[in-house]
Protein backbone atom coordinates (compact mmCIF):
# COMPACT_ATOMS: atom_id res chain seq x y z
CA MET A 1 79.26 104.13 90.12
CA GLU A 2 76.27 106.50 90.36
CA ILE A 3 76.93 106.96 94.12
CA ILE A 4 80.46 108.07 93.39
CA GLU A 5 79.27 110.73 90.99
CA GLN A 6 76.82 111.92 93.64
CA ILE A 7 79.63 112.19 96.19
CA LYS A 8 81.77 114.10 93.71
CA THR A 9 78.96 116.53 93.02
CA LYS A 10 78.37 117.18 96.71
CA LEU A 11 82.08 117.80 97.28
CA TYR A 12 82.27 120.14 94.27
CA GLN A 13 79.40 122.11 95.75
CA LYS A 14 80.94 122.14 99.22
CA TYR A 15 84.24 123.55 97.92
CA ASN A 16 82.79 125.69 95.11
CA ALA A 17 84.63 123.54 92.61
CA GLN A 18 81.78 123.29 90.14
CA GLY A 19 81.72 125.37 86.97
CA THR A 20 84.23 128.11 86.27
CA ILE A 21 87.40 127.97 88.35
CA VAL A 22 87.72 131.32 90.07
CA SER A 23 90.67 130.90 92.42
CA VAL A 24 93.82 128.86 93.02
CA THR A 25 92.27 127.42 96.16
CA THR A 26 89.20 126.28 94.32
CA LEU A 27 91.30 124.65 91.63
CA LYS A 28 93.48 122.93 94.22
CA ASN A 29 90.40 121.57 96.01
CA LYS A 30 89.02 120.23 92.74
CA VAL A 31 92.25 118.41 92.07
CA LEU A 32 92.21 116.92 95.61
CA ILE A 33 88.64 115.77 95.16
CA ASP A 34 89.28 114.21 91.76
CA THR A 35 92.41 112.46 93.02
CA SER A 36 90.45 111.09 95.99
CA ILE A 37 87.67 109.78 93.77
CA LEU A 38 90.20 107.94 91.55
CA TYR A 39 91.76 106.31 94.59
CA ILE A 40 88.39 105.22 95.94
CA GLN A 41 87.36 103.78 92.63
CA LYS A 42 90.59 101.76 92.66
CA LYS A 43 89.86 100.44 96.16
CA ILE A 44 86.26 99.54 95.23
CA ALA A 45 87.60 97.46 92.36
CA GLU A 46 89.95 95.43 94.63
CA LYS A 47 89.05 91.76 95.12
CA ASP A 48 89.84 89.43 97.95
CA ASN A 49 92.54 86.98 96.84
CA LYS A 50 90.79 84.00 98.42
CA THR A 51 87.10 84.63 97.79
CA GLY A 52 87.23 86.83 94.70
CA LYS A 53 84.64 89.11 96.35
CA PRO A 54 85.05 92.89 96.69
CA ARG A 55 87.56 93.68 99.48
CA TYR A 56 85.73 96.83 100.59
CA ASN A 57 82.11 97.90 101.06
CA PHE A 58 82.15 101.63 101.68
CA GLY A 59 79.22 103.71 102.87
CA ALA A 60 78.54 106.93 101.05
CA ASP A 61 78.67 108.93 104.31
CA PHE A 62 82.10 107.55 105.13
CA LEU A 63 83.46 108.44 101.68
CA LEU A 64 82.01 111.92 101.74
CA GLN A 65 83.30 112.71 105.21
CA SER A 66 86.72 111.13 104.62
CA ILE A 67 87.45 113.10 101.49
CA ALA A 68 86.25 116.34 103.02
CA GLU A 69 88.43 115.84 106.11
CA CYS A 70 91.45 115.19 103.92
CA VAL A 71 90.79 118.23 101.73
CA ASP A 72 90.43 120.37 104.83
CA THR A 73 94.01 119.47 105.79
CA GLY A 74 95.27 120.16 102.30
CA PHE A 75 95.53 116.57 101.08
CA ALA A 76 93.70 114.08 98.93
CA LEU A 77 92.63 110.67 100.11
CA ASP A 78 95.12 109.31 97.64
CA GLY A 79 96.81 106.20 99.00
CA ILE A 80 100.02 108.15 99.55
CA ASN A 81 99.37 110.78 102.22
CA TYR A 82 96.14 109.23 103.46
CA VAL A 83 95.24 105.54 103.01
CA ILE A 84 92.05 103.60 103.47
CA SER A 85 92.63 100.76 105.96
CA GLY A 86 89.10 99.47 106.40
CA ASN A 87 85.45 99.87 105.36
CA ARG A 88 85.10 102.82 107.72
CA MET A 89 88.69 103.71 108.51
CA TYR A 90 91.42 105.83 106.92
CA MET A 91 94.65 107.20 108.30
CA PRO A 92 97.55 109.54 107.47
CA THR A 93 100.89 108.01 106.59
CA TYR A 94 104.32 109.31 107.52
CA LYS A 95 104.37 111.02 104.10
CA ALA A 96 101.50 113.28 105.20
CA PHE A 97 103.59 114.63 108.07
CA LYS A 98 106.56 115.19 105.80
CA ASN A 99 104.50 116.85 103.12
CA LYS A 100 102.70 119.09 105.61
CA LEU A 101 106.09 120.55 106.60
CA TYR A 102 107.02 120.99 102.95
CA MET A 103 103.79 122.91 102.31
CA VAL A 104 104.70 125.53 104.89
CA TYR A 105 108.49 125.33 104.69
CA PRO A 106 109.36 124.30 101.08
CA GLN A 107 113.08 124.43 101.86
CA THR A 108 112.78 121.86 104.66
CA VAL A 109 115.26 119.00 104.69
CA ILE A 110 113.97 115.80 106.34
CA ASP A 111 115.91 112.61 106.94
CA LEU A 112 113.66 109.86 108.27
CA GLN A 113 115.20 106.42 108.77
CA VAL A 114 114.95 103.20 110.74
CA ILE A 115 118.03 101.68 112.39
CA ARG A 116 118.49 97.94 112.11
CA GLU A 117 120.66 95.47 113.99
CA GLY A 118 124.29 95.82 112.85
CA ASP A 119 124.01 99.46 111.76
CA THR A 120 126.39 101.90 113.27
CA TYR A 121 125.30 105.44 114.12
CA GLU A 122 126.23 108.57 116.03
CA PHE A 123 124.16 111.65 116.78
CA ALA A 124 125.17 115.02 118.18
CA LYS A 125 123.89 118.62 118.33
CA GLU A 126 126.46 121.38 118.36
CA SER A 127 125.48 125.04 118.59
CA GLY A 128 122.07 124.24 117.22
CA SER A 129 123.26 122.13 114.31
CA VAL A 130 122.42 118.42 114.09
CA ILE A 131 125.43 116.33 113.21
CA TYR A 132 125.10 112.62 112.65
CA THR A 133 126.32 109.51 110.82
CA HIS A 134 124.39 106.34 110.00
CA ASN A 135 126.12 103.41 108.30
CA LEU A 136 124.05 100.46 107.10
CA ALA A 137 125.29 97.05 108.06
CA ASP A 138 124.03 95.59 104.79
CA PRO A 139 121.90 97.77 102.53
CA PHE A 140 120.82 94.74 100.49
CA GLN A 141 119.45 92.70 103.38
CA THR A 142 117.50 95.34 105.22
CA GLU A 143 114.20 93.47 105.38
CA GLN A 144 115.83 90.52 107.14
CA SER A 145 117.40 92.66 109.87
CA LYS A 146 115.45 93.57 113.00
CA ILE A 147 114.53 97.22 113.50
CA ILE A 148 115.94 98.52 116.79
CA GLY A 149 115.08 102.23 116.48
CA ALA A 150 114.29 105.17 114.24
CA TYR A 151 115.21 108.78 113.91
CA CYS A 152 113.86 111.92 112.30
CA ILE A 153 116.03 114.91 111.46
CA ILE A 154 114.33 118.13 110.32
CA LYS A 155 116.13 121.25 109.17
CA ASN A 156 114.38 124.48 108.09
CA ASN A 157 113.91 128.10 109.05
CA ARG A 158 112.76 127.15 112.53
CA GLY A 159 116.01 125.40 113.27
CA GLU A 160 117.51 121.93 113.22
CA PHE A 161 115.79 119.16 115.16
CA LEU A 162 116.59 115.58 116.04
CA GLU A 163 114.04 113.09 117.31
CA THR A 164 114.65 109.41 118.09
CA LEU A 165 112.44 106.47 118.96
CA ASN A 166 113.68 103.40 120.83
CA GLN A 167 112.23 99.93 120.86
CA HIS A 168 110.65 100.26 124.33
CA ASP A 169 108.59 103.33 123.37
CA TYR A 170 107.64 101.81 120.00
CA GLU A 171 106.40 98.60 121.61
CA ARG A 172 104.40 100.58 124.13
CA MET A 173 102.73 102.56 121.33
CA LYS A 174 101.94 99.35 119.44
CA ASP A 175 100.58 97.59 122.52
CA GLY A 176 98.23 100.47 123.16
CA SER A 177 96.81 100.54 119.64
CA LYS A 178 93.55 99.03 118.41
CA ASN A 179 95.29 96.80 115.89
CA PRO A 180 98.87 95.84 116.80
CA ALA A 181 98.82 93.20 114.06
CA LEU A 182 98.71 96.04 111.50
CA TRP A 183 101.92 97.43 113.06
CA ASN A 184 103.54 94.01 112.68
CA SER A 185 102.51 93.76 109.00
CA TRP A 186 103.85 97.23 108.15
CA ALA A 187 106.58 97.62 110.75
CA SER A 188 108.90 100.01 108.97
CA GLU A 189 105.97 102.29 108.00
CA PHE A 190 104.78 102.53 111.59
CA TRP A 191 108.29 103.11 112.92
CA LEU A 192 108.72 106.02 110.54
CA LYS A 193 105.29 107.48 111.22
CA SER A 194 105.73 107.15 114.99
CA VAL A 195 109.07 109.00 115.08
CA ILE A 196 108.02 111.83 112.75
CA LYS A 197 104.77 112.23 114.69
CA ARG A 198 106.85 112.65 117.82
CA ALA A 199 109.13 115.20 116.13
CA CYS A 200 106.20 117.21 114.78
CA LYS A 201 104.36 117.19 118.09
CA ARG A 202 107.43 118.57 119.80
CA HIS A 203 108.47 121.15 117.22
CA PHE A 204 105.64 121.71 114.69
CA ASN A 205 102.47 121.05 116.65
CA ASP A 206 100.79 124.11 115.16
CA LEU A 207 101.03 122.57 111.69
CA THR A 208 100.30 118.88 112.28
CA THR A 209 97.72 118.73 115.08
CA ALA A 210 94.89 117.60 112.73
CA LEU A 211 97.05 114.83 111.29
CA GLU A 212 98.07 113.60 114.70
CA GLU A 213 94.55 113.64 116.11
CA LYS A 214 93.21 111.66 113.17
CA ASP A 215 95.98 109.10 113.40
CA ASN A 216 95.55 108.65 117.18
CA GLU A 217 91.83 108.23 116.73
CA VAL A 218 92.18 105.56 114.07
CA ILE A 219 94.92 103.47 115.60
CA GLY A 220 93.44 103.78 119.11
CA LEU A 221 96.07 105.94 120.79
CA ASP A 222 93.73 108.88 121.49
CA ASP A 223 92.89 107.67 125.00
CA ILE A 224 96.54 106.92 125.76
CA VAL A 225 98.10 110.22 124.77
CA LYS A 226 95.65 112.01 127.07
CA ALA A 227 96.20 109.71 130.02
CA SER A 228 98.48 109.91 133.02
CA PRO A 229 101.40 107.45 133.18
CA GLU A 230 99.45 105.28 135.64
CA LYS A 231 96.30 105.33 133.53
CA MET A 232 98.33 104.69 130.43
CA ALA A 233 99.72 101.48 131.90
CA GLU A 234 96.19 100.32 132.80
CA ILE A 235 94.92 100.94 129.25
CA ILE A 236 97.80 99.02 127.67
CA LYS A 237 97.33 96.11 130.10
CA ALA A 238 93.60 95.93 129.33
CA LYS A 239 94.20 95.95 125.58
CA LYS A 240 96.79 93.18 125.84
CA ALA A 241 94.32 91.08 127.78
CA LYS A 242 91.67 91.17 125.01
């Protein structure tokens, strides 16, 4: 693990986290670095279930850059807010978007849910207040029920906000991504991340731009979000044909 120690030393130097702790920011960065290193060591130790060989083969440059990018946004590469999804790929989760809002607005209330077949629901906004009900058809059989939508409700000092995501828009996002199979394997996670990303882009873009850009880059939506509706359709069609 000599390479890991070298990476840690370089990161300590970059964020002045070596030696005597002189500020709260320095201490925080040291904790983020140490947490990231522990997560990476755990991933390095993972074995493929079929071959017994290491699942990942990380390059030092990837690890150094990834941890630094996470620290710069106030997070660790920890498997919670940011997860490694390949030898040279990491991405934010829906928890990163939630926690970014909590960092700036600690009093924030967020309700982030998927809606499955059989659920009953009603949403309304009256005089700026979001009013809603969501009754689960069967809370003990959720994984067997098809997801038909998702919603994100955010309440804090900026106001009360409601964002929804329907199946048509979700499928369009998935079809345009680099790896739609990953969306199928972790459907509920991607539903939740997609709807909170949409909410943050609309109402908290000043706080979550870096998270959104990284996620779009990794899952392949960067070219789509910048395209016209006509170009967007062409991109999705081309990716489906591969």
